[in-house]
Amino acid sequence: MNKTELTEALASQAGLSKADAGRAIEAIFGDAGLIAGALKKGKKVQITGFGTFVARQRKARTGRDPRTGNAIQIQAATLPAFKAGQALKDALN
């Protein structure tokens, strides 16, 4: 399911216009959305029954350039991570 399909499904299921559904999705998942904003502040976002979004630190490390085989330094980074909740796991099985 892509963003357009998600917008249409949300609009249909919640009785919203497609424009309202699109704004809601953007407000939650967009670059300046609620989840990204909380992660930037170092907070976790826990949605009971769905899962938890957290920001994880990845340390700097040495890697290899696949074209040349030369060693390269990969910088430290902060990355988003998601852990599925038990209810979501149960829904899939």
N, C-alpha and C. Protein backbone atom coordinates (compact mmCIF):
# COMPACT_ATOMS: atom_id res chain seq x y z
N MET A 1 0.86 -1.17 0.00
CA MET A 1 0.00 0.00 0.00
C MET A 1 0.91 1.23 0.00
N ASN A 2 0.66 2.13 -0.94
CA ASN A 2 1.43 3.37 -0.98
C ASN A 2 0.64 4.50 -0.32
N LYS A 3 1.21 5.69 -0.31
CA LYS A 3 0.60 6.82 0.39
C LYS A 3 -0.77 7.19 -0.20
N THR A 4 -0.90 7.15 -1.51
CA THR A 4 -2.18 7.46 -2.15
C THR A 4 -3.24 6.45 -1.75
N GLU A 5 -2.89 5.18 -1.77
CA GLU A 5 -3.84 4.13 -1.38
C GLU A 5 -4.21 4.24 0.09
N LEU A 6 -3.24 4.59 0.93
CA LEU A 6 -3.51 4.78 2.35
C LEU A 6 -4.46 5.95 2.56
N THR A 7 -4.24 7.03 1.84
CA THR A 7 -5.11 8.20 1.93
C THR A 7 -6.54 7.84 1.54
N GLU A 8 -6.70 7.13 0.44
CA GLU A 8 -8.03 6.73 -0.02
C GLU A 8 -8.71 5.80 0.98
N ALA A 9 -7.95 4.85 1.53
CA ALA A 9 -8.51 3.90 2.50
C ALA A 9 -8.93 4.62 3.78
N LEU A 10 -8.11 5.55 4.26
CA LEU A 10 -8.44 6.31 5.45
C LEU A 10 -9.68 7.17 5.22
N ALA A 11 -9.74 7.82 4.07
CA ALA A 11 -10.90 8.65 3.75
C ALA A 11 -12.17 7.82 3.74
N SER A 12 -12.10 6.64 3.14
CA SER A 12 -13.26 5.76 3.05
C SER A 12 -13.67 5.23 4.42
N GLN A 13 -12.71 4.75 5.18
CA GLN A 13 -13.01 4.11 6.45
C GLN A 13 -13.44 5.10 7.53
N ALA A 14 -12.88 6.31 7.51
CA ALA A 14 -13.18 7.29 8.56
C ALA A 14 -14.23 8.31 8.13
N GLY A 15 -14.70 8.21 6.89
CA GLY A 15 -15.71 9.14 6.40
C GLY A 15 -15.16 10.55 6.22
N LEU A 16 -13.89 10.66 5.81
CA LEU A 16 -13.25 11.95 5.58
C LEU A 16 -13.12 12.21 4.08
N SER A 17 -12.90 13.46 3.73
CA SER A 17 -12.57 13.75 2.34
C SER A 17 -11.13 13.29 2.11
N LYS A 18 -10.75 13.07 0.85
CA LYS A 18 -9.38 12.65 0.56
C LYS A 18 -8.39 13.73 1.00
N ALA A 19 -8.77 14.99 0.86
CA ALA A 19 -7.89 16.09 1.27
C ALA A 19 -7.65 16.06 2.78
N ASP A 20 -8.72 15.86 3.54
CA ASP A 20 -8.59 15.79 5.01
C ASP A 20 -7.76 14.58 5.42
N ALA A 21 -7.98 13.45 4.78
CA ALA A 21 -7.23 12.23 5.09
C ALA A 21 -5.75 12.44 4.77
N GLY A 22 -5.46 13.09 3.65
CA GLY A 22 -4.08 13.37 3.27
C GLY A 22 -3.39 14.28 4.28
N ARG A 23 -4.10 15.30 4.74
CA ARG A 23 -3.53 16.20 5.75
C ARG A 23 -3.29 15.47 7.07
N ALA A 24 -4.19 14.57 7.43
CA ALA A 24 -4.03 13.80 8.67
C ALA A 24 -2.79 12.90 8.58
N ILE A 25 -2.63 12.23 7.47
CA ILE A 25 -1.47 11.34 7.29
C ILE A 25 -0.18 12.15 7.32
N GLU A 26 -0.17 13.30 6.65
CA GLU A 26 1.01 14.16 6.62
C GLU A 26 1.33 14.69 8.02
N ALA A 27 0.29 15.02 8.79
CA ALA A 27 0.49 15.54 10.15
C ALA A 27 1.10 14.50 11.07
N ILE A 28 0.83 13.24 10.82
CA ILE A 28 1.36 12.17 11.66
C ILE A 28 2.71 11.69 11.14
N PHE A 29 2.80 11.38 9.83
CA PHE A 29 3.97 10.69 9.29
C PHE A 29 4.91 11.57 8.48
N GLY A 30 4.57 12.81 8.19
CA GLY A 30 5.38 13.68 7.34
C GLY A 30 6.71 14.07 7.96
N ASP A 31 7.55 14.75 7.17
CA ASP A 31 8.87 15.20 7.63
C ASP A 31 8.76 16.08 8.87
N ALA A 32 7.74 16.92 8.92
CA ALA A 32 7.52 17.80 10.06
C ALA A 32 6.35 17.31 10.91
N GLY A 33 6.04 16.03 10.78
CA GLY A 33 4.89 15.45 11.48
C GLY A 33 5.15 15.17 12.94
N LEU A 34 4.14 14.66 13.58
CA LEU A 34 4.18 14.41 15.02
C LEU A 34 5.24 13.37 15.41
N ILE A 35 5.33 12.30 14.66
CA ILE A 35 6.29 11.24 15.00
C ILE A 35 7.71 11.74 14.81
N ALA A 36 8.00 12.35 13.67
CA ALA A 36 9.36 12.86 13.42
C ALA A 36 9.73 13.92 14.44
N GLY A 37 8.79 14.79 14.78
CA GLY A 37 9.06 15.84 15.76
C GLY A 37 9.42 15.28 17.13
N ALA A 38 8.68 14.26 17.55
CA ALA A 38 8.96 13.65 18.85
C ALA A 38 10.32 12.96 18.84
N LEU A 39 10.65 12.25 17.76
CA LEU A 39 11.93 11.56 17.67
C LEU A 39 13.09 12.55 17.65
N LYS A 40 12.93 13.69 17.00
CA LYS A 40 13.97 14.71 16.97
C LYS A 40 14.24 15.25 18.37
N LYS A 41 13.21 15.28 19.22
CA LYS A 41 13.35 15.76 20.59
C LYS A 41 13.87 14.67 21.53
N GLY A 42 14.12 13.49 20.99
CA GLY A 42 14.64 12.40 21.81
C GLY A 42 13.57 11.60 22.53
N LYS A 43 12.31 11.82 22.19
CA LYS A 43 11.21 11.09 22.82
C LYS A 43 10.87 9.86 21.99
N LYS A 44 10.20 8.90 22.64
CA LYS A 44 9.70 7.76 21.89
C LYS A 44 8.20 7.95 21.71
N VAL A 45 7.66 7.35 20.65
CA VAL A 45 6.24 7.43 20.37
C VAL A 45 5.68 6.02 20.49
N GLN A 46 4.86 5.81 21.50
CA GLN A 46 4.30 4.49 21.77
C GLN A 46 2.81 4.52 21.49
N ILE A 47 2.36 3.69 20.55
CA ILE A 47 0.96 3.57 20.22
C ILE A 47 0.53 2.18 20.66
N THR A 48 -0.20 2.13 21.76
CA THR A 48 -0.60 0.86 22.36
C THR A 48 -1.35 0.01 21.34
N GLY A 49 -0.93 -1.24 21.22
CA GLY A 49 -1.55 -2.17 20.30
C GLY A 49 -0.96 -2.11 18.91
N PHE A 50 -0.16 -1.09 18.60
CA PHE A 50 0.43 -0.96 17.27
C PHE A 50 1.94 -1.12 17.34
N GLY A 51 2.61 -0.27 18.12
CA GLY A 51 4.05 -0.38 18.23
C GLY A 51 4.68 0.88 18.77
N THR A 52 6.01 0.89 18.75
CA THR A 52 6.78 1.99 19.31
C THR A 52 7.82 2.47 18.31
N PHE A 53 7.88 3.79 18.13
CA PHE A 53 8.90 4.42 17.31
C PHE A 53 9.94 5.01 18.25
N VAL A 54 11.23 4.78 17.97
CA VAL A 54 12.31 5.34 18.76
C VAL A 54 13.42 5.82 17.83
N ALA A 55 14.27 6.71 18.34
CA ALA A 55 15.47 7.12 17.62
C ALA A 55 16.64 6.36 18.22
N ARG A 56 17.41 5.70 17.37
CA ARG A 56 18.56 4.91 17.84
C ARG A 56 19.85 5.53 17.31
N GLN A 57 20.87 5.47 18.14
CA GLN A 57 22.19 5.98 17.75
C GLN A 57 23.00 4.85 17.13
N ARG A 58 23.59 5.14 15.99
CA ARG A 58 24.51 4.17 15.37
C ARG A 58 25.91 4.76 15.43
N LYS A 59 26.85 4.03 15.94
CA LYS A 59 28.22 4.51 16.11
C LYS A 59 28.93 4.61 14.77
N ALA A 60 29.97 5.44 14.74
CA ALA A 60 30.82 5.54 13.56
C ALA A 60 31.55 4.20 13.39
N ARG A 61 31.82 3.85 12.15
CA ARG A 61 32.49 2.58 11.91
C ARG A 61 33.25 2.63 10.59
N THR A 62 34.09 1.66 10.39
CA THR A 62 34.83 1.54 9.14
C THR A 62 34.09 0.56 8.24
N GLY A 63 33.89 0.97 6.98
CA GLY A 63 33.22 0.12 6.00
C GLY A 63 34.11 -0.06 4.78
N ARG A 64 33.57 -0.66 3.75
CA ARG A 64 34.31 -0.89 2.51
C ARG A 64 33.53 -0.31 1.34
N ASP A 65 34.24 0.39 0.45
CA ASP A 65 33.64 0.87 -0.79
C ASP A 65 33.47 -0.36 -1.69
N PRO A 66 32.23 -0.69 -2.09
CA PRO A 66 32.03 -1.93 -2.86
C PRO A 66 32.69 -1.89 -4.25
N ARG A 67 32.90 -0.70 -4.79
CA ARG A 67 33.52 -0.61 -6.13
C ARG A 67 35.02 -0.83 -6.08
N THR A 68 35.67 -0.24 -5.07
CA THR A 68 37.13 -0.29 -5.02
C THR A 68 37.68 -1.22 -3.96
N GLY A 69 36.88 -1.50 -2.94
CA GLY A 69 37.36 -2.33 -1.83
C GLY A 69 38.13 -1.54 -0.79
N ASN A 70 38.29 -0.23 -1.02
CA ASN A 70 39.02 0.61 -0.06
C ASN A 70 38.20 0.81 1.21
N ALA A 71 38.90 0.95 2.32
CA ALA A 71 38.24 1.21 3.60
C ALA A 71 37.75 2.67 3.60
N ILE A 72 36.53 2.87 4.10
CA ILE A 72 35.98 4.21 4.23
C ILE A 72 35.41 4.37 5.64
N GLN A 73 35.39 5.60 6.12
CA GLN A 73 34.84 5.87 7.45
C GLN A 73 33.37 6.24 7.29
N ILE A 74 32.49 5.54 7.99
CA ILE A 74 31.06 5.82 7.99
C ILE A 74 30.75 6.58 9.27
N GLN A 75 30.15 7.76 9.13
CA GLN A 75 29.88 8.61 10.28
C GLN A 75 28.79 8.04 11.18
N ALA A 76 28.82 8.48 12.44
CA ALA A 76 27.75 8.13 13.38
C ALA A 76 26.45 8.75 12.88
N ALA A 77 25.33 8.14 13.21
CA ALA A 77 24.04 8.64 12.74
C ALA A 77 22.94 8.30 13.74
N THR A 78 21.88 9.09 13.70
CA THR A 78 20.68 8.81 14.47
C THR A 78 19.64 8.31 13.47
N LEU A 79 19.08 7.14 13.72
CA LEU A 79 18.14 6.52 12.79
C LEU A 79 16.83 6.18 13.49
N PRO A 80 15.72 6.28 12.76
CA PRO A 80 14.45 5.88 13.35
C PRO A 80 14.33 4.35 13.36
N ALA A 81 13.66 3.84 14.37
CA ALA A 81 13.42 2.40 14.47
C ALA A 81 11.98 2.18 14.93
N PHE A 82 11.42 1.05 14.54
CA PHE A 82 10.05 0.71 14.92
C PHE A 82 10.03 -0.70 15.46
N LYS A 83 9.35 -0.88 16.59
CA LYS A 83 9.16 -2.22 17.16
C LYS A 83 7.66 -2.46 17.21
N ALA A 84 7.20 -3.49 16.53
CA ALA A 84 5.77 -3.80 16.48
C ALA A 84 5.26 -4.24 17.84
N GLY A 85 4.04 -3.80 18.15
CA GLY A 85 3.38 -4.19 19.39
C GLY A 85 2.78 -5.59 19.29
N GLN A 86 2.45 -6.15 20.42
CA GLN A 86 1.94 -7.52 20.44
C GLN A 86 0.63 -7.66 19.69
N ALA A 87 -0.25 -6.68 19.79
CA ALA A 87 -1.55 -6.77 19.10
C ALA A 87 -1.35 -6.79 17.58
N LEU A 88 -0.39 -6.02 17.07
CA LEU A 88 -0.11 -6.02 15.63
C LEU A 88 0.49 -7.36 15.22
N LYS A 89 1.39 -7.89 16.03
CA LYS A 89 1.96 -9.20 15.74
C LYS A 89 0.89 -10.28 15.71
N ASP A 90 -0.03 -10.22 16.70
CA ASP A 90 -1.11 -11.21 16.77
C ASP A 90 -2.05 -11.10 15.57
N ALA A 91 -2.28 -9.87 15.10
CA ALA A 91 -3.18 -9.66 13.96
C ALA A 91 -2.62 -10.29 12.69
N LEU A 92 -1.30 -10.41 12.60
CA LEU A 92 -0.67 -10.99 11.40
C LEU A 92 -0.60 -12.50 11.46
N ASN A 93 -0.76 -13.08 12.63
CA ASN A 93 -0.61 -14.54 12.76
C ASN A 93 -1.88 -15.22 13.13
